[in-house]
Each structure stands twice: as C-alpha cells, then as structure tokens.
Amino acid sequence: MDTTKNHIGQNIRRIRELRGLKQDALGFELGISQKQVSHLEHQESVAEETLLQIARVLGVSPHVITLFTEEAFINYCENFLNRPQDAFEVEPLHEASLHASRFAPHDKIFELYERLLQAEREKLAYVEKILEHKL
C-alpha cells in the first residue's frame, strides 16, 4: 500500500494544466492574483473551503484533486466529462464519490471576451461620433 501523502498544490497545478488553464485564468475565477495561485500550487495542503472553490473552477470533485493521479484523471475525463450533458451519472474514482459540475472555464473566458469586444465596439462608435462633429 502506498503511504506517500499527496501534494495537493501539485495536484491542482497538474489538473489546471490538463484542463488548459493558465494561473491567471484560475486566479480570475477564484478572485485572487496569479501570484496567489502560484503560492497555492506550492502548498502541500489547502484549506477545505479553498479546495472546494478550486474544484468548482476546474470542473472536478475535490476528491479528484486529493486522490489525483494522471491516469485516474484521464480516465475521469474520458468517462465523465466527455459525456453529453444529459448523461449525468457519477462514477467512483479510487472508491470516492465524485460530484458532477457543469462549470466550463472556457465559457467564462468566452463571456469575458464578448464583453471586452462589446466595450471596444462602443468605444469605436463614440470616437467616430466625436470625429463626425469635429469635421
């Protein structure tokens, strides 16, 4: 039996990387800075509430983070996350119940991009209006 303790911070980092998220994006969703995310990823243990927030943002159960192995995570993604939204069954991972999450970080990034694009369009329209009055 393996008695080595999981390094939660390293697990968070690997899952974040496998999900394609940068520290900035994770920090944005958590309401903290990139530097604070980096600090979290160097901690061996993380407070339970913080772990729940991180798990929500990463779209996994806290159990996935605490019991993380790359092979188990890949199996989890293939068997659970790639299912249609209607097929919402939960399968065990290392005898731990996993809780479903419909949060998709890329959706938040897309929403942010759309808001930024709309703001730029409004600025451009405002500048064009000012230029028309000056000419």
C-alpha atoms as a PDB file:
ATOM      1  CA  MET A   1       0.000   0.000   0.000  1.00  0.00           C
ATOM      2  CA  ASP A   2       1.302   3.443  -0.941  1.00  0.00           C
ATOM      3  CA  THR A   3       1.726   5.580   2.165  1.00  0.00           C
ATOM      4  CA  THR A   4       3.073   8.697   0.446  1.00  0.00           C
ATOM      5  CA  LYS A   5       0.936  11.768   1.019  1.00  0.00           C
ATOM      6  CA  ASN A   6      -0.482  13.588  -1.991  1.00  0.00           C
ATOM      7  CA  HIS A   7       0.831  17.104  -2.534  1.00  0.00           C
ATOM      8  CA  ILE A   8      -2.454  18.957  -3.092  1.00  0.00           C
ATOM      9  CA  GLY A   9      -0.805  22.019  -4.650  1.00  0.00           C
ATOM     10  CA  GLN A  10       0.972  19.907  -7.261  1.00  0.00           C
ATOM     11  CA  ASN A  11      -2.288  18.082  -7.975  1.00  0.00           C
ATOM     12  CA  ILE A  12      -4.053  21.416  -8.525  1.00  0.00           C
ATOM     13  CA  ARG A  13      -1.283  22.506 -10.890  1.00  0.00           C
ATOM     14  CA  ARG A  14      -1.416  19.293 -12.956  1.00  0.00           C
ATOM     15  CA  ILE A  15      -5.218  19.324 -13.229  1.00  0.00           C
ATOM     16  CA  ARG A  16      -5.142  23.030 -14.156  1.00  0.00           C
ATOM     17  CA  GLU A  17      -2.571  22.293 -16.864  1.00  0.00           C
ATOM     18  CA  LEU A  18      -4.501  19.269 -18.149  1.00  0.00           C
ATOM     19  CA  ARG A  19      -7.635  21.432 -18.347  1.00  0.00           C
ATOM     20  CA  GLY A  20      -5.685  24.017 -20.367  1.00  0.00           C
ATOM     21  CA  LEU A  21      -5.999  26.834 -17.827  1.00  0.00           C
ATOM     22  CA  LYS A  22      -3.333  29.394 -17.026  1.00  0.00           C
ATOM     23  CA  GLN A  23      -2.728  30.545 -13.465  1.00  0.00           C
ATOM     24  CA  ASP A  24      -4.191  33.941 -14.421  1.00  0.00           C
ATOM     25  CA  ALA A  25      -7.474  32.374 -15.559  1.00  0.00           C
ATOM     26  CA  LEU A  26      -7.766  30.238 -12.432  1.00  0.00           C
ATOM     27  CA  GLY A  27      -6.953  33.252 -10.271  1.00  0.00           C
ATOM     28  CA  PHE A  28      -9.558  35.354 -12.088  1.00  0.00           C
ATOM     29  CA  GLU A  29     -12.261  32.763 -11.391  1.00  0.00           C
ATOM     30  CA  LEU A  30     -11.195  32.469  -7.742  1.00  0.00           C
ATOM     31  CA  GLY A  31     -10.888  36.228  -7.278  1.00  0.00           C
ATOM     32  CA  ILE A  32      -7.180  36.044  -6.448  1.00  0.00           C
ATOM     33  CA  SER A  33      -3.958  37.008  -8.207  1.00  0.00           C
ATOM     34  CA  GLN A  34      -1.747  34.783 -10.345  1.00  0.00           C
ATOM     35  CA  LYS A  35       0.905  35.036  -7.627  1.00  0.00           C
ATOM     36  CA  GLN A  36      -1.546  33.684  -5.044  1.00  0.00           C
ATOM     37  CA  VAL A  37      -2.419  30.783  -7.366  1.00  0.00           C
ATOM     38  CA  SER A  38       1.289  30.035  -7.692  1.00  0.00           C
ATOM     39  CA  HIS A  39       1.586  30.075  -3.893  1.00  0.00           C
ATOM     40  CA  LEU A  40      -1.393  27.678  -3.588  1.00  0.00           C
ATOM     41  CA  GLU A  41       0.222  25.295  -6.056  1.00  0.00           C
ATOM     42  CA  HIS A  42       3.328  25.116  -3.875  1.00  0.00           C
ATOM     43  CA  GLN A  43       1.401  24.222  -0.707  1.00  0.00           C
ATOM     44  CA  GLU A  44       1.269  20.600   0.380  1.00  0.00           C
ATOM     45  CA  SER A  45      -2.221  21.040   1.833  1.00  0.00           C
ATOM     46  CA  VAL A  46      -5.026  23.510   1.134  1.00  0.00           C
ATOM     47  CA  ALA A  47      -7.968  24.622   3.278  1.00  0.00           C
ATOM     48  CA  GLU A  48     -11.161  22.655   2.604  1.00  0.00           C
ATOM     49  CA  GLU A  49     -13.156  25.736   1.507  1.00  0.00           C
ATOM     50  CA  THR A  50     -10.386  26.789  -0.878  1.00  0.00           C
ATOM     51  CA  LEU A  51     -10.213  23.249  -2.249  1.00  0.00           C
ATOM     52  CA  LEU A  52     -13.976  23.307  -2.911  1.00  0.00           C
ATOM     53  CA  GLN A  53     -13.688  26.619  -4.801  1.00  0.00           C
ATOM     54  CA  ILE A  54     -10.750  25.378  -6.870  1.00  0.00           C
ATOM     55  CA  ALA A  55     -12.561  22.122  -7.650  1.00  0.00           C
ATOM     56  CA  ARG A  56     -15.614  24.091  -8.819  1.00  0.00           C
ATOM     57  CA  VAL A  57     -13.492  26.230 -11.157  1.00  0.00           C
ATOM     58  CA  LEU A  58     -11.587  23.224 -12.522  1.00  0.00           C
ATOM     59  CA  GLY A  59     -14.860  21.355 -13.024  1.00  0.00           C
ATOM     60  CA  VAL A  60     -13.914  18.366 -10.888  1.00  0.00           C
ATOM     61  CA  SER A  61     -14.746  16.975  -7.477  1.00  0.00           C
ATOM     62  CA  PRO A  62     -12.459  17.836  -4.543  1.00  0.00           C
ATOM     63  CA  HIS A  63     -11.830  14.078  -4.321  1.00  0.00           C
ATOM     64  CA  VAL A  64     -10.295  14.157  -7.797  1.00  0.00           C
ATOM     65  CA  ILE A  65      -7.798  16.759  -6.580  1.00  0.00           C
ATOM     66  CA  THR A  66      -6.929  14.969  -3.333  1.00  0.00           C
ATOM     67  CA  LEU A  67      -6.649  11.500  -4.907  1.00  0.00           C
ATOM     68  CA  PHE A  68      -5.113  12.702  -8.169  1.00  0.00           C
ATOM     69  CA  THR A  69      -3.037  10.517 -10.440  1.00  0.00           C
ATOM     70  CA  GLU A  70      -2.685  11.402 -14.124  1.00  0.00           C
ATOM     71  CA  GLU A  71      -4.032   8.038 -15.234  1.00  0.00           C
ATOM     72  CA  ALA A  72      -7.083   8.326 -12.987  1.00  0.00           C
ATOM     73  CA  PHE A  73      -7.730  11.911 -14.120  1.00  0.00           C
ATOM     74  CA  ILE A  74      -7.542  10.976 -17.800  1.00  0.00           C
ATOM     75  CA  ASN A  75      -9.978   8.112 -17.169  1.00  0.00           C
ATOM     76  CA  TYR A  76     -12.251  10.522 -15.273  1.00  0.00           C
ATOM     77  CA  CYS A  77     -12.221  12.984 -18.185  1.00  0.00           C
ATOM     78  CA  GLU A  78     -12.831  10.304 -20.794  1.00  0.00           C
ATOM     79  CA  ASN A  79     -15.611   8.582 -18.854  1.00  0.00           C
ATOM     80  CA  PHE A  80     -17.316  11.533 -17.233  1.00  0.00           C
ATOM     81  CA  LEU A  81     -16.531  14.953 -18.685  1.00  0.00           C
ATOM     82  CA  ASN A  82     -16.860  13.955 -22.338  1.00  0.00           C
ATOM     83  CA  ARG A  83     -20.415  12.699 -21.894  1.00  0.00           C
ATOM     84  CA  PRO A  84     -23.396  14.672 -23.166  1.00  0.00           C
ATOM     85  CA  GLN A  85     -24.917  16.968 -20.534  1.00  0.00           C
ATOM     86  CA  ASP A  86     -27.968  14.697 -20.271  1.00  0.00           C
ATOM     87  CA  ALA A  87     -25.877  11.660 -19.297  1.00  0.00           C
ATOM     88  CA  PHE A  88     -25.098  12.929 -15.838  1.00  0.00           C
ATOM     89  CA  GLU A  89     -24.057   9.817 -13.937  1.00  0.00           C
ATOM     90  CA  VAL A  90     -21.333   9.849 -11.333  1.00  0.00           C
ATOM     91  CA  GLU A  91     -18.712   7.101 -11.378  1.00  0.00           C
ATOM     92  CA  PRO A  92     -16.371   6.317  -8.469  1.00  0.00           C
ATOM     93  CA  LEU A  93     -12.678   7.171  -8.594  1.00  0.00           C
ATOM     94  CA  HIS A  94     -10.458   5.390  -6.057  1.00  0.00           C
ATOM     95  CA  GLU A  95     -13.580   4.485  -4.064  1.00  0.00           C
ATOM     96  CA  ALA A  96     -14.533   8.159  -3.665  1.00  0.00           C
ATOM     97  CA  SER A  97     -17.772   9.614  -4.907  1.00  0.00           C
ATOM     98  CA  LEU A  98     -17.326  12.320  -7.499  1.00  0.00           C
ATOM     99  CA  HIS A  99     -19.761  15.187  -7.739  1.00  0.00           C
ATOM    100  CA  ALA A 100     -20.837  16.495 -11.127  1.00  0.00           C
ATOM    101  CA  SER A 101     -20.103  20.048 -12.161  1.00  0.00           C
ATOM    102  CA  ARG A 102     -21.405  21.804 -15.232  1.00  0.00           C
ATOM    103  CA  PHE A 103     -18.934  24.678 -14.912  1.00  0.00           C
ATOM    104  CA  ALA A 104     -16.806  25.155 -18.003  1.00  0.00           C
ATOM    105  CA  PRO A 105     -13.910  27.634 -17.623  1.00  0.00           C
ATOM    106  CA  HIS A 106     -13.737  28.224 -21.362  1.00  0.00           C
ATOM    107  CA  ASP A 107     -17.332  29.517 -21.256  1.00  0.00           C
ATOM    108  CA  LYS A 108     -16.308  32.170 -18.731  1.00  0.00           C
ATOM    109  CA  ILE A 109     -13.358  33.188 -20.893  1.00  0.00           C
ATOM    110  CA  PHE A 110     -15.650  33.394 -23.922  1.00  0.00           C
ATOM    111  CA  GLU A 111     -18.126  35.578 -21.977  1.00  0.00           C
ATOM    112  CA  LEU A 112     -15.296  37.861 -20.880  1.00  0.00           C
ATOM    113  CA  TYR A 113     -14.046  38.121 -24.462  1.00  0.00           C
ATOM    114  CA  GLU A 114     -17.552  39.023 -25.671  1.00  0.00           C
ATOM    115  CA  ARG A 115     -17.857  41.775 -23.030  1.00  0.00           C
ATOM    116  CA  LEU A 116     -14.434  43.164 -23.963  1.00  0.00           C
ATOM    117  CA  LEU A 117     -15.317  43.098 -27.651  1.00  0.00           C
ATOM    118  CA  GLN A 118     -18.595  44.922 -26.971  1.00  0.00           C
ATOM    119  CA  ALA A 119     -16.749  47.578 -24.933  1.00  0.00           C
ATOM    120  CA  GLU A 120     -14.300  48.114 -27.796  1.00  0.00           C
ATOM    121  CA  ARG A 121     -17.177  48.474 -30.268  1.00  0.00           C
ATOM    122  CA  GLU A 122     -18.800  51.077 -28.021  1.00  0.00           C
ATOM    123  CA  LYS A 123     -15.518  52.999 -27.734  1.00  0.00           C
ATOM    124  CA  LEU A 124     -15.090  52.950 -31.504  1.00  0.00           C
ATOM    125  CA  ALA A 125     -18.642  54.236 -32.057  1.00  0.00           C
ATOM    126  CA  TYR A 126     -18.039  57.015 -29.517  1.00  0.00           C
ATOM    127  CA  VAL A 127     -14.774  58.094 -31.190  1.00  0.00           C
ATOM    128  CA  GLU A 128     -16.436  58.046 -34.627  1.00  0.00           C
ATOM    129  CA  LYS A 129     -19.271  60.212 -33.281  1.00  0.00           C
ATOM    130  CA  ILE A 130     -16.784  62.748 -31.866  1.00  0.00           C
ATOM    131  CA  LEU A 131     -14.853  62.842 -35.143  1.00  0.00           C
ATOM    132  CA  GLU A 132     -18.043  63.448 -37.149  1.00  0.00           C
ATOM    133  CA  HIS A 133     -18.867  66.508 -35.013  1.00  0.00           C
ATOM    134  CA  LYS A 134     -15.359  67.932 -35.438  1.00  0.00           C
ATOM    135  CA  LEU A 135     -15.363  67.587 -39.235  1.00  0.00           C
END
